[in-house]
Amino acid sequence: MMELEEIRLTIDEREALRLADLEGLSHEDGGRMMGVSRATFGRIIEQARKTVTDALINGKAISIEGGNYEINCTDRLFVCEKCDYEWHEDCGTGRPKACPSCRYTGLHRVSAK
């Protein structure tokens, strides 16, 4: 196998990608989850997307690096946009595909009450 050039993605950039692109959070909610402002979250996600795009387009390996961190896992609250059903999902299970009550795919994550 040939050696690929490596490109660096920081832990913060990886987390911003997870929150915005995998979990579907807004910049405001993503910033809140990371403890940064909306504008800072926007800058982090912009750089992360550039890094990942460079790797995909130019065939580079992605190395995730960057400091000490702690993963705090709490359950997540989702709401169906059609029937308003609310339910909790455990961390690490990925974003739900549909509402467990009506199977509608339009849903969003909200802050726990």
PDB file of N, CA and C in Angstrom:
ATOM      1  N   MET A   1       0.837  -1.181   0.000  1.00  0.00           N
ATOM      2  CA  MET A   1       0.000   0.000   0.000  1.00  0.00           C
ATOM      3  C   MET A   1       0.883   1.247   0.000  1.00  0.00           C
ATOM      4  N   MET A   2       0.480   2.239  -0.752  1.00  0.00           N
ATOM      5  CA  MET A   2       1.293   3.454  -0.840  1.00  0.00           C
ATOM      6  C   MET A   2       1.124   4.341   0.385  1.00  0.00           C
ATOM      7  N   GLU A   3       2.133   5.111   0.666  1.00  0.00           N
ATOM      8  CA  GLU A   3       2.093   6.041   1.788  1.00  0.00           C
ATOM      9  C   GLU A   3       1.265   7.261   1.409  1.00  0.00           C
ATOM     10  N   LEU A   4       0.333   7.624   2.270  1.00  0.00           N
ATOM     11  CA  LEU A   4      -0.486   8.814   2.047  1.00  0.00           C
ATOM     12  C   LEU A   4       0.064   9.979   2.846  1.00  0.00           C
ATOM     13  N   GLU A   5      -0.053  11.146   2.267  1.00  0.00           N
ATOM     14  CA  GLU A   5       0.266  12.352   3.023  1.00  0.00           C
ATOM     15  C   GLU A   5      -0.780  12.479   4.120  1.00  0.00           C
ATOM     16  N   GLU A   6      -0.345  12.880   5.316  1.00  0.00           N
ATOM     17  CA  GLU A   6      -1.258  13.035   6.438  1.00  0.00           C
ATOM     18  C   GLU A   6      -1.652  14.484   6.612  1.00  0.00           C
ATOM     19  N   ILE A   7      -2.905  14.693   6.964  1.00  0.00           N
ATOM     20  CA  ILE A   7      -3.401  16.026   7.289  1.00  0.00           C
ATOM     21  C   ILE A   7      -3.996  15.961   8.688  1.00  0.00           C
ATOM     22  N   ARG A   8      -3.819  17.015   9.465  1.00  0.00           N
ATOM     23  CA  ARG A   8      -4.195  17.014  10.881  1.00  0.00           C
ATOM     24  C   ARG A   8      -5.578  17.617  11.091  1.00  0.00           C
ATOM     25  N   LEU A   9      -6.411  16.910  11.855  1.00  0.00           N
ATOM     26  CA  LEU A   9      -7.713  17.381  12.314  1.00  0.00           C
ATOM     27  C   LEU A   9      -7.638  17.406  13.836  1.00  0.00           C
ATOM     28  N   THR A  10      -7.949  18.553  14.445  1.00  0.00           N
ATOM     29  CA  THR A  10      -7.869  18.631  15.900  1.00  0.00           C
ATOM     30  C   THR A  10      -9.085  17.958  16.538  1.00  0.00           C
ATOM     31  N   ILE A  11      -8.969  17.660  17.812  1.00  0.00           N
ATOM     32  CA  ILE A  11     -10.077  17.085  18.573  1.00  0.00           C
ATOM     33  C   ILE A  11     -11.278  18.029  18.528  1.00  0.00           C
ATOM     34  N   ASP A  12     -11.036  19.334  18.679  1.00  0.00           N
ATOM     35  CA  ASP A  12     -12.135  20.311  18.623  1.00  0.00           C
ATOM     36  C   ASP A  12     -12.811  20.301  17.255  1.00  0.00           C
ATOM     37  N   GLU A  13     -12.026  20.199  16.189  1.00  0.00           N
ATOM     38  CA  GLU A  13     -12.600  20.150  14.844  1.00  0.00           C
ATOM     39  C   GLU A  13     -13.420  18.884  14.647  1.00  0.00           C
ATOM     40  N   ARG A  14     -12.920  17.774  15.157  1.00  0.00           N
ATOM     41  CA  ARG A  14     -13.665  16.517  15.069  1.00  0.00           C
ATOM     42  C   ARG A  14     -14.986  16.616  15.816  1.00  0.00           C
ATOM     43  N   GLU A  15     -14.957  17.205  16.998  1.00  0.00           N
ATOM     44  CA  GLU A  15     -16.174  17.358  17.788  1.00  0.00           C
ATOM     45  C   GLU A  15     -17.163  18.289  17.099  1.00  0.00           C
ATOM     46  N   ALA A  16     -16.678  19.373  16.516  1.00  0.00           N
ATOM     47  CA  ALA A  16     -17.561  20.292  15.792  1.00  0.00           C
ATOM     48  C   ALA A  16     -18.221  19.588  14.606  1.00  0.00           C
ATOM     49  N   LEU A  17     -17.467  18.766  13.887  1.00  0.00           N
ATOM     50  CA  LEU A  17     -18.048  17.986  12.786  1.00  0.00           C
ATOM     51  C   LEU A  17     -19.124  17.044  13.299  1.00  0.00           C
ATOM     52  N   ARG A  18     -18.855  16.391  14.413  1.00  0.00           N
ATOM     53  CA  ARG A  18     -19.834  15.463  14.981  1.00  0.00           C
ATOM     54  C   ARG A  18     -21.117  16.184  15.351  1.00  0.00           C
ATOM     55  N   LEU A  19     -20.975  17.312  16.032  1.00  0.00           N
ATOM     56  CA  LEU A  19     -22.153  18.049  16.491  1.00  0.00           C
ATOM     57  C   LEU A  19     -22.953  18.639  15.331  1.00  0.00           C
ATOM     58  N   ALA A  20     -22.262  19.270  14.381  1.00  0.00           N
ATOM     59  CA  ALA A  20     -22.963  19.947  13.287  1.00  0.00           C
ATOM     60  C   ALA A  20     -23.442  18.985  12.212  1.00  0.00           C
ATOM     61  N   ASP A  21     -22.569  18.107  11.756  1.00  0.00           N
ATOM     62  CA  ASP A  21     -22.887  17.297  10.583  1.00  0.00           C
ATOM     63  C   ASP A  21     -23.487  15.937  10.911  1.00  0.00           C
ATOM     64  N   LEU A  22     -23.120  15.356  12.033  1.00  0.00           N
ATOM     65  CA  LEU A  22     -23.684  14.062  12.397  1.00  0.00           C
ATOM     66  C   LEU A  22     -24.933  14.233  13.264  1.00  0.00           C
ATOM     67  N   GLU A  23     -24.854  15.125  14.252  1.00  0.00           N
ATOM     68  CA  GLU A  23     -25.996  15.342  15.147  1.00  0.00           C
ATOM     69  C   GLU A  23     -26.973  16.383  14.618  1.00  0.00           C
ATOM     70  N   GLY A  24     -26.546  17.193  13.655  1.00  0.00           N
ATOM     71  CA  GLY A  24     -27.444  18.174  13.047  1.00  0.00           C
ATOM     72  C   GLY A  24     -27.719  19.403  13.898  1.00  0.00           C
ATOM     73  N   LEU A  25     -26.808  19.731  14.811  1.00  0.00           N
ATOM     74  CA  LEU A  25     -27.014  20.897  15.669  1.00  0.00           C
ATOM     75  C   LEU A  25     -26.682  22.184  14.926  1.00  0.00           C
ATOM     76  N   SER A  26     -27.328  23.259  15.329  1.00  0.00           N
ATOM     77  CA  SER A  26     -27.004  24.581  14.797  1.00  0.00           C
ATOM     78  C   SER A  26     -25.656  25.035  15.356  1.00  0.00           C
ATOM     79  N   HIS A  27     -25.107  26.091  14.770  1.00  0.00           N
ATOM     80  CA  HIS A  27     -23.850  26.627  15.294  1.00  0.00           C
ATOM     81  C   HIS A  27     -24.035  27.116  16.726  1.00  0.00           C
ATOM     82  N   GLU A  28     -25.185  27.696  17.015  1.00  0.00           N
ATOM     83  CA  GLU A  28     -25.445  28.172  18.372  1.00  0.00           C
ATOM     84  C   GLU A  28     -25.475  27.012  19.366  1.00  0.00           C
ATOM     85  N   ASP A  29     -26.219  25.942  19.033  1.00  0.00           N
ATOM     86  CA  ASP A  29     -26.301  24.790  19.938  1.00  0.00           C
ATOM     87  C   ASP A  29     -24.970  24.040  20.009  1.00  0.00           C
ATOM     88  N   GLY A  30     -24.282  23.924  18.885  1.00  0.00           N
ATOM     89  CA  GLY A  30     -22.973  23.277  18.875  1.00  0.00           C
ATOM     90  C   GLY A  30     -21.968  24.030  19.723  1.00  0.00           C
ATOM     91  N   GLY A  31     -21.977  25.348  19.600  1.00  0.00           N
ATOM     92  CA  GLY A  31     -21.096  26.176  20.419  1.00  0.00           C
ATOM     93  C   GLY A  31     -21.386  26.014  21.891  1.00  0.00           C
ATOM     94  N   ARG A  32     -22.669  25.965  22.225  1.00  0.00           N
ATOM     95  CA  ARG A  32     -23.068  25.778  23.622  1.00  0.00           C
ATOM     96  C   ARG A  32     -22.555  24.436  24.143  1.00  0.00           C
ATOM     97  N   MET A  33     -22.700  23.388  23.339  1.00  0.00           N
ATOM     98  CA  MET A  33     -22.242  22.058  23.756  1.00  0.00           C
ATOM     99  C   MET A  33     -20.725  22.021  23.954  1.00  0.00           C
ATOM    100  N   MET A  34     -19.988  22.793  23.139  1.00  0.00           N
ATOM    101  CA  MET A  34     -18.527  22.810  23.256  1.00  0.00           C
ATOM    102  C   MET A  34     -18.026  23.880  24.221  1.00  0.00           C
ATOM    103  N   GLY A  35     -18.910  24.727  24.717  1.00  0.00           N
ATOM    104  CA  GLY A  35     -18.494  25.781  25.633  1.00  0.00           C
ATOM    105  C   GLY A  35     -17.794  26.937  24.951  1.00  0.00           C
ATOM    106  N   VAL A  36     -18.165  27.194  23.677  1.00  0.00           N
ATOM    107  CA  VAL A  36     -17.587  28.315  22.928  1.00  0.00           C
ATOM    108  C   VAL A  36     -18.733  29.126  22.324  1.00  0.00           C
ATOM    109  N   SER A  37     -18.407  30.299  21.807  1.00  0.00           N
ATOM    110  CA  SER A  37     -19.436  31.137  21.183  1.00  0.00           C
ATOM    111  C   SER A  37     -19.866  30.550  19.842  1.00  0.00           C
ATOM    112  N   ARG A  38     -20.989  31.039  19.340  1.00  0.00           N
ATOM    113  CA  ARG A  38     -21.477  30.619  18.032  1.00  0.00           C
ATOM    114  C   ARG A  38     -20.449  30.943  16.948  1.00  0.00           C
ATOM    115  N   ALA A  39     -19.860  32.129  17.040  1.00  0.00           N
ATOM    116  CA  ALA A  39     -18.869  32.548  16.048  1.00  0.00           C
ATOM    117  C   ALA A  39     -17.625  31.651  16.085  1.00  0.00           C
ATOM    118  N   THR A  40     -17.167  31.328  17.282  1.00  0.00           N
ATOM    119  CA  THR A  40     -16.003  30.444  17.412  1.00  0.00           C
ATOM    120  C   THR A  40     -16.329  29.057  16.870  1.00  0.00           C
ATOM    121  N   PHE A  41     -17.506  28.553  17.190  1.00  0.00           N
ATOM    122  CA  PHE A  41     -17.917  27.260  16.647  1.00  0.00           C
ATOM    123  C   PHE A  41     -17.914  27.316  15.119  1.00  0.00           C
ATOM    124  N   GLY A  42     -18.413  28.411  14.561  1.00  0.00           N
ATOM    125  CA  GLY A  42     -18.425  28.573  13.106  1.00  0.00           C
ATOM    126  C   GLY A  42     -17.026  28.524  12.508  1.00  0.00           C
ATOM    127  N   ARG A  43     -16.073  29.161  13.166  1.00  0.00           N
ATOM    128  CA  ARG A  43     -14.688  29.138  12.676  1.00  0.00           C
ATOM    129  C   ARG A  43     -14.094  27.731  12.772  1.00  0.00           C
ATOM    130  N   ILE A  44     -14.391  27.035  13.865  1.00  0.00           N
ATOM    131  CA  ILE A  44     -13.874  25.675  14.045  1.00  0.00           C
ATOM    132  C   ILE A  44     -14.444  24.747  12.985  1.00  0.00           C
ATOM    133  N   ILE A  45     -15.745  24.802  12.748  1.00  0.00           N
ATOM    134  CA  ILE A  45     -16.372  23.904  11.781  1.00  0.00           C
ATOM    135  C   ILE A  45     -15.921  24.228  10.363  1.00  0.00           C
ATOM    136  N   GLU A  46     -15.709  25.498  10.068  1.00  0.00           N
ATOM    137  CA  GLU A  46     -15.225  25.878   8.737  1.00  0.00           C
ATOM    138  C   GLU A  46     -13.848  25.270   8.469  1.00  0.00           C
ATOM    139  N   GLN A  47     -12.951  25.369   9.440  1.00  0.00           N
ATOM    140  CA  GLN A  47     -11.610  24.795   9.270  1.00  0.00           C
ATOM    141  C   GLN A  47     -11.684  23.278   9.183  1.00  0.00           C
ATOM    142  N   ALA A  48     -12.524  22.652  10.001  1.00  0.00           N
ATOM    143  CA  ALA A  48     -12.667  21.192   9.981  1.00  0.00           C
ATOM    144  C   ALA A  48     -13.151  20.710   8.621  1.00  0.00           C
ATOM    145  N   ARG A  49     -14.127  21.386   8.061  1.00  0.00           N
ATOM    146  CA  ARG A  49     -14.657  20.986   6.756  1.00  0.00           C
ATOM    147  C   ARG A  49     -13.617  21.162   5.659  1.00  0.00           C
ATOM    148  N   LYS A  50     -12.806  22.216   5.735  1.00  0.00           N
ATOM    149  CA  LYS A  50     -11.725  22.405   4.762  1.00  0.00           C
ATOM    150  C   LYS A  50     -10.719  21.264   4.855  1.00  0.00           C
ATOM    151  N   THR A  51     -10.384  20.881   6.080  1.00  0.00           N
ATOM    152  CA  THR A  51      -9.419  19.802   6.287  1.00  0.00           C
ATOM    153  C   THR A  51      -9.939  18.483   5.731  1.00  0.00           C
ATOM    154  N   VAL A  52     -11.174  18.140   6.046  1.00  0.00           N
ATOM    155  CA  VAL A  52     -11.759  16.880   5.572  1.00  0.00           C
ATOM    156  C   VAL A  52     -11.916  16.900   4.058  1.00  0.00           C
ATOM    157  N   THR A  53     -12.321  18.022   3.499  1.00  0.00           N
ATOM    158  CA  THR A  53     -12.462  18.134   2.045  1.00  0.00           C
ATOM    159  C   THR A  53     -11.116  17.966   1.358  1.00  0.00           C
ATOM    160  N   ASP A  54     -10.074  18.572   1.902  1.00  0.00           N
ATOM    161  CA  ASP A  54      -8.731  18.414   1.352  1.00  0.00           C
ATOM    162  C   ASP A  54      -8.331  16.940   1.347  1.00  0.00           C
ATOM    163  N   ALA A  55      -8.608  16.249   2.441  1.00  0.00           N
ATOM    164  CA  ALA A  55      -8.261  14.830   2.531  1.00  0.00           C
ATOM    165  C   ALA A  55      -9.035  14.006   1.501  1.00  0.00           C
ATOM    166  N   LEU A  56     -10.318  14.267   1.360  1.00  0.00           N
ATOM    167  CA  LEU A  56     -11.136  13.509   0.413  1.00  0.00           C
ATOM    168  C   LEU A  56     -10.755  13.788  -1.038  1.00  0.00           C
ATOM    169  N   ILE A  57     -10.598  15.039  -1.369  1.00  0.00           N
ATOM    170  CA  ILE A  57     -10.313  15.422  -2.754  1.00  0.00           C
ATOM    171  C   ILE A  57      -8.889  15.052  -3.166  1.00  0.00           C
ATOM    172  N   ASN A  58      -7.950  15.222  -2.259  1.00  0.00           N
ATOM    173  CA  ASN A  58      -6.543  15.023  -2.592  1.00  0.00           C
ATOM    174  C   ASN A  58      -5.956  13.716  -2.072  1.00  0.00           C
ATOM    175  N   GLY A  59      -6.783  12.829  -1.561  1.00  0.00           N
ATOM    176  CA  GLY A  59      -6.333  11.506  -1.140  1.00  0.00           C
ATOM    177  C   GLY A  59      -5.350  11.515   0.012  1.00  0.00           C
ATOM    178  N   LYS A  60      -5.627  12.311   1.034  1.00  0.00           N
ATOM    179  CA  LYS A  60      -4.745  12.386   2.200  1.00  0.00           C
ATOM    180  C   LYS A  60      -5.357  11.624   3.371  1.00  0.00           C
ATOM    181  N   ALA A  61      -4.499  11.118   4.237  1.00  0.00           N
ATOM    182  CA  ALA A  61      -4.949  10.463   5.464  1.00  0.00           C
ATOM    183  C   ALA A  61      -5.241  11.540   6.505  1.00  0.00           C
ATOM    184  N   ILE A  62      -6.235  11.308   7.346  1.00  0.00           N
ATOM    185  CA  ILE A  62      -6.583  12.260   8.402  1.00  0.00           C
ATOM    186  C   ILE A  62      -6.053  11.731   9.733  1.00  0.00           C
ATOM    187  N   SER A  63      -5.263  12.557  10.400  1.00  0.00           N
ATOM    188  CA  SER A  63      -4.753  12.243  11.726  1.00  0.00           C
ATOM    189  C   SER A  63      -5.480  13.140  12.725  1.00  0.00           C
ATOM    190  N   ILE A  64      -6.142  12.540  13.705  1.00  0.00           N
ATOM    191  CA  ILE A  64      -6.865  13.320  14.715  1.00  0.00           C
ATOM    192  C   ILE A  64      -5.959  13.466  15.927  1.00  0.00           C
ATOM    193  N   GLU A  65      -5.660  14.709  16.273  1.00  0.00           N
ATOM    194  CA  GLU A  65      -4.713  15.008  17.341  1.00  0.00           C
ATOM    195  C   GLU A  65      -5.222  16.185  18.145  1.00  0.00           C
ATOM    196  N   GLY A  66      -4.540  16.426  19.265  1.00  0.00           N
ATOM    197  CA  GLY A  66      -4.776  17.688  19.921  1.00  0.00           C
ATOM    198  C   GLY A  66      -5.120  17.690  21.376  1.00  0.00           C
ATOM    199  N   GLY A  67      -4.158  17.544  22.219  1.00  0.00           N
ATOM    200  CA  GLY A  67      -4.323  17.846  23.623  1.00  0.00           C
ATOM    201  C   GLY A  67      -5.075  16.839  24.453  1.00  0.00           C
ATOM    202  N   ASN A  68      -5.324  17.252  25.674  1.00  0.00           N
ATOM    203  CA  ASN A  68      -6.036  16.423  26.640  1.00  0.00           C
ATOM    204  C   ASN A  68      -7.514  16.747  26.574  1.00  0.00           C
ATOM    205  N   TYR A  69      -8.335  15.750  26.711  1.00  0.00           N
ATOM    206  CA  TYR A  69      -9.768  15.959  26.679  1.00  0.00           C
ATOM    207  C   TYR A  69     -10.461  14.890  27.503  1.00  0.00           C
ATOM    208  N   GLU A  70     -11.695  15.170  27.857  1.00  0.00           N
ATOM    209  CA  GLU A  70     -12.511  14.231  28.613  1.00  0.00           C
ATOM    210  C   GLU A  70     -13.861  14.142  27.914  1.00  0.00           C
ATOM    211  N   ILE A  71     -14.349  12.944  27.712  1.00  0.00           N
ATOM    212  CA  ILE A  71     -15.643  12.762  27.080  1.00  0.00           C
ATOM    213  C   ILE A  71     -16.688  12.635  28.175  1.00  0.00           C
ATOM    214  N   ASN A  72     -17.610  13.576  28.187  1.00  0.00           N
ATOM    215  CA  ASN A  72     -18.726  13.547  29.132  1.00  0.00           C
ATOM    216  C   ASN A  72     -19.951  13.066  28.374  1.00  0.00           C
ATOM    217  N   CYS A  73     -20.465  11.943  28.765  1.00  0.00           N
ATOM    218  CA  CYS A  73     -21.583  11.364  28.045  1.00  0.00           C
ATOM    219  C   CYS A  73     -22.864  11.507  28.856  1.00  0.00           C
ATOM    220  N   THR A  74     -23.829  12.148  28.271  1.00  0.00           N
ATOM    221  CA  THR A  74     -25.159  12.237  28.863  1.00  0.00           C
ATOM    222  C   THR A  74     -26.149  11.772  27.818  1.00  0.00           C
ATOM    223  N   ASP A  75     -27.327  11.401  28.262  1.00  0.00           N
ATOM    224  CA  ASP A  75     -28.298  10.997  27.250  1.00  0.00           C
ATOM    225  C   ASP A  75     -28.775  12.231  26.496  1.00  0.00           C
ATOM    226  N   ARG A  76     -29.362  12.002  25.346  1.00  0.00           N
ATOM    227  CA  ARG A  76     -29.765  13.096  24.466  1.00  0.00           C
ATOM    228  C   ARG A  76     -31.284  13.066  24.286  1.00  0.00           C
ATOM    229  N   LEU A  77     -31.883  14.250  24.224  1.00  0.00           N
ATOM    230  CA  LEU A  77     -33.324  14.382  24.079  1.00  0.00           C
ATOM    231  C   LEU A  77     -33.653  14.807  22.652  1.00  0.00           C
ATOM    232  N   PHE A  78     -34.566  14.061  22.015  1.00  0.00           N
ATOM    233  CA  PHE A  78     -35.014  14.367  20.655  1.00  0.00           C
ATOM    234  C   PHE A  78     -36.509  14.627  20.648  1.00  0.00           C
ATOM    235  N   VAL A  79     -36.970  15.431  19.682  1.00  0.00           N
ATOM    236  CA  VAL A  79     -38.385  15.742  19.511  1.00  0.00           C
ATOM    237  C   VAL A  79     -38.759  15.547  18.047  1.00  0.00           C
ATOM    238  N   CYS A  80     -39.887  14.886  17.821  1.00  0.00           N
ATOM    239  CA  CYS A  80     -40.415  14.693  16.473  1.00  0.00           C
ATOM    240  C   CYS A  80     -41.088  15.986  16.017  1.00  0.00           C
ATOM    241  N   GLU A  81     -40.800  16.412  14.787  1.00  0.00           N
ATOM    242  CA  GLU A  81     -41.390  17.634  14.246  1.00  0.00           C
ATOM    243  C   GLU A  81     -42.839  17.434  13.811  1.00  0.00           C
ATOM    244  N   LYS A  82     -43.265  16.199  13.686  1.00  0.00           N
ATOM    245  CA  LYS A  82     -44.637  15.910  13.244  1.00  0.00           C
ATOM    246  C   LYS A  82     -45.589  15.698  14.427  1.00  0.00           C
ATOM    247  N   CYS A  83     -45.241  14.791  15.338  1.00  0.00           N
ATOM    248  CA  CYS A  83     -46.167  14.438  16.427  1.00  0.00           C
ATOM    249  C   CYS A  83     -45.751  14.986  17.792  1.00  0.00           C
ATOM    250  N   ASP A  84     -44.612  15.702  17.860  1.00  0.00           N
ATOM    251  CA  ASP A  84     -44.087  16.291  19.098  1.00  0.00           C
ATOM    252  C   ASP A  84     -43.690  15.263  20.161  1.00  0.00           C
ATOM    253  N   TYR A  85     -43.540  14.004  19.761  1.00  0.00           N
ATOM    254  CA  TYR A  85     -43.095  12.965  20.694  1.00  0.00           C
ATOM    255  C   TYR A  85     -41.669  13.280  21.130  1.00  0.00           C
ATOM    256  N   GLU A  86     -41.379  13.154  22.410  1.00  0.00           N
ATOM    257  CA  GLU A  86     -40.035  13.373  22.958  1.00  0.00           C
ATOM    258  C   GLU A  86     -39.493  12.059  23.471  1.00  0.00           C
ATOM    259  N   TRP A  87     -38.190  11.805  23.218  1.00  0.00           N
ATOM    260  CA  TRP A  87     -37.573  10.595  23.740  1.00  0.00           C
ATOM    261  C   TRP A  87     -36.081  10.815  23.943  1.00  0.00           C
ATOM    262  N   HIS A  88     -35.515   9.991  24.789  1.00  0.00           N
ATOM    263  CA  HIS A  88     -34.090  10.053  25.118  1.00  0.00           C
ATOM    264  C   HIS A  88     -33.346   8.956  24.372  1.00  0.00           C
ATOM    265  N   GLU A  89     -32.137   9.276  23.952  1.00  0.00           N
ATOM    266  CA  GLU A  89     -31.235   8.314  23.313  1.00  0.00           C
ATOM    267  C   GLU A  89     -29.924   8.321  24.090  1.00  0.00           C
ATOM    268  N   ASP A  90     -29.331   7.154  24.274  1.00  0.00           N
ATOM    269  CA  ASP A  90     -28.034   7.059  24.934  1.00  0.00           C
ATOM    270  C   ASP A  90     -26.938   7.640  24.056  1.00  0.00           C
ATOM    271  N   CYS A  91     -25.879   8.125  24.682  1.00  0.00           N
ATOM    272  CA  CYS A  91     -24.707   8.586  23.940  1.00  0.00           C
ATOM    273  C   CYS A  91     -24.091   7.420  23.181  1.00  0.00           C
ATOM    274  N   GLY A  92     -23.508   7.737  22.062  1.00  0.00           N
ATOM    275  CA  GLY A  92     -22.795   6.734  21.291  1.00  0.00           C
ATOM    276  C   GLY A  92     -23.671   5.872  20.405  1.00  0.00           C
ATOM    277  N   THR A  93     -24.970   6.159  20.350  1.00  0.00           N
ATOM    278  CA  THR A  93     -25.867   5.341  19.538  1.00  0.00           C
ATOM    279  C   THR A  93     -26.134   5.957  18.175  1.00  0.00           C
ATOM    280  N   GLY A  94     -25.575   7.132  17.909  1.00  0.00           N
ATOM    281  CA  GLY A  94     -25.809   7.800  16.637  1.00  0.00           C
ATOM    282  C   GLY A  94     -27.139   8.529  16.632  1.00  0.00           C
ATOM    283  N   ARG A  95     -27.343   9.295  15.589  1.00  0.00           N
ATOM    284  CA  ARG A  95     -28.583  10.064  15.448  1.00  0.00           C
ATOM    285  C   ARG A  95     -29.713   9.122  15.050  1.00  0.00           C
ATOM    286  N   PRO A  96     -30.874   9.227  15.706  1.00  0.00           N
ATOM    287  CA  PRO A  96     -32.003   8.371  15.327  1.00  0.00           C
ATOM    288  C   PRO A  96     -32.435   8.640  13.892  1.00  0.00           C
ATOM    289  N   LYS A  97     -32.891   7.605  13.221  1.00  0.00           N
ATOM    290  CA  LYS A  97     -33.331   7.739  11.826  1.00  0.00           C
ATOM    291  C   LYS A  97     -34.759   8.262  11.732  1.00  0.00           C
ATOM    292  N   ALA A  98     -35.600   7.926  12.720  1.00  0.00           N
ATOM    293  CA  ALA A  98     -37.009   8.301  12.674  1.00  0.00           C
ATOM    294  C   ALA A  98     -37.592   8.316  14.082  1.00  0.00           C
ATOM    295  N   CYS A  99     -38.727   8.956  14.207  1.00  0.00           N
ATOM    296  CA  CYS A  99     -39.465   9.003  15.478  1.00  0.00           C
ATOM    297  C   CYS A  99     -39.938   7.599  15.845  1.00  0.00           C
ATOM    298  N   PRO A 100     -39.706   7.157  17.072  1.00  0.00           N
ATOM    299  CA  PRO A 100     -40.164   5.826  17.464  1.00  0.00           C
ATOM    300  C   PRO A 100     -41.688   5.730  17.572  1.00  0.00           C
ATOM    301  N   SER A 101     -42.375   6.864  17.638  1.00  0.00           N
ATOM    302  CA  SER A 101     -43.829   6.850  17.762  1.00  0.00           C
ATOM    303  C   SER A 101     -44.529   6.795  16.404  1.00  0.00           C
ATOM    304  N   CYS A 102     -44.144   7.717  15.480  1.00  0.00           N
ATOM    305  CA  CYS A 102     -44.851   7.808  14.200  1.00  0.00           C
ATOM    306  C   CYS A 102     -43.974   7.492  12.983  1.00  0.00           C
ATOM    307  N   ARG A 103     -42.673   7.243  13.204  1.00  0.00           N
ATOM    308  CA  ARG A 103     -41.702   6.904  12.156  1.00  0.00           C
ATOM    309  C   ARG A 103     -41.351   8.063  11.223  1.00  0.00           C
ATOM    310  N   TYR A 104     -41.785   9.269  11.551  1.00  0.00           N
ATOM    311  CA  TYR A 104     -41.448  10.448  10.754  1.00  0.00           C
ATOM    312  C   TYR A 104     -39.951  10.717  10.890  1.00  0.00           C
ATOM    313  N   THR A 105     -39.300  11.127   9.799  1.00  0.00           N
ATOM    314  CA  THR A 105     -37.848  11.317   9.831  1.00  0.00           C
ATOM    315  C   THR A 105     -37.417  12.732  10.218  1.00  0.00           C
ATOM    316  N   GLY A 106     -38.360  13.651  10.317  1.00  0.00           N
ATOM    317  CA  GLY A 106     -38.027  15.017  10.726  1.00  0.00           C
ATOM    318  C   GLY A 106     -37.982  15.110  12.236  1.00  0.00           C
ATOM    319  N   LEU A 107     -36.783  15.235  12.776  1.00  0.00           N
ATOM    320  CA  LEU A 107     -36.635  15.317  14.222  1.00  0.00           C
ATOM    321  C   LEU A 107     -35.479  16.233  14.545  1.00  0.00           C
ATOM    322  N   HIS A 108     -35.431  16.691  15.754  1.00  0.00           N
ATOM    323  CA  HIS A 108     -34.303  17.533  16.173  1.00  0.00           C
ATOM    324  C   HIS A 108     -33.969  17.277  17.633  1.00  0.00           C
ATOM    325  N   ARG A 109     -32.749  17.590  17.949  1.00  0.00           N
ATOM    326  CA  ARG A 109     -32.259  17.402  19.313  1.00  0.00           C
ATOM    327  C   ARG A 109     -32.496  18.697  20.090  1.00  0.00           C
ATOM    328  N   VAL A 110     -32.907  18.551  21.326  1.00  0.00           N
ATOM    329  CA  VAL A 110     -33.153  19.720  22.171  1.00  0.00           C
ATOM    330  C   VAL A 110     -32.382  19.557  23.476  1.00  0.00           C
ATOM    331  N   SER A 111     -32.195  20.668  24.163  1.00  0.00           N
ATOM    332  CA  SER A 111     -31.540  20.621  25.470  1.00  0.00           C
ATOM    333  C   SER A 111     -32.468  19.948  26.458  1.00  0.00           C
ATOM    334  N   ALA A 112     -31.898  19.116  27.322  1.00  0.00           N
ATOM    335  CA  ALA A 112     -32.698  18.431  28.340  1.00  0.00           C
ATOM    336  C   ALA A 112     -33.331  19.465  29.258  1.00  0.00           C
ATOM    337  N   LYS A 113     -34.531  19.175  29.680  1.00  0.00           N
ATOM    338  CA  LYS A 113     -35.279  20.115  30.529  1.00  0.00           C
ATOM    339  C   LYS A 113     -34.876  20.008  31.971  1.00  0.00           C
TER     340      LYS A 113
END
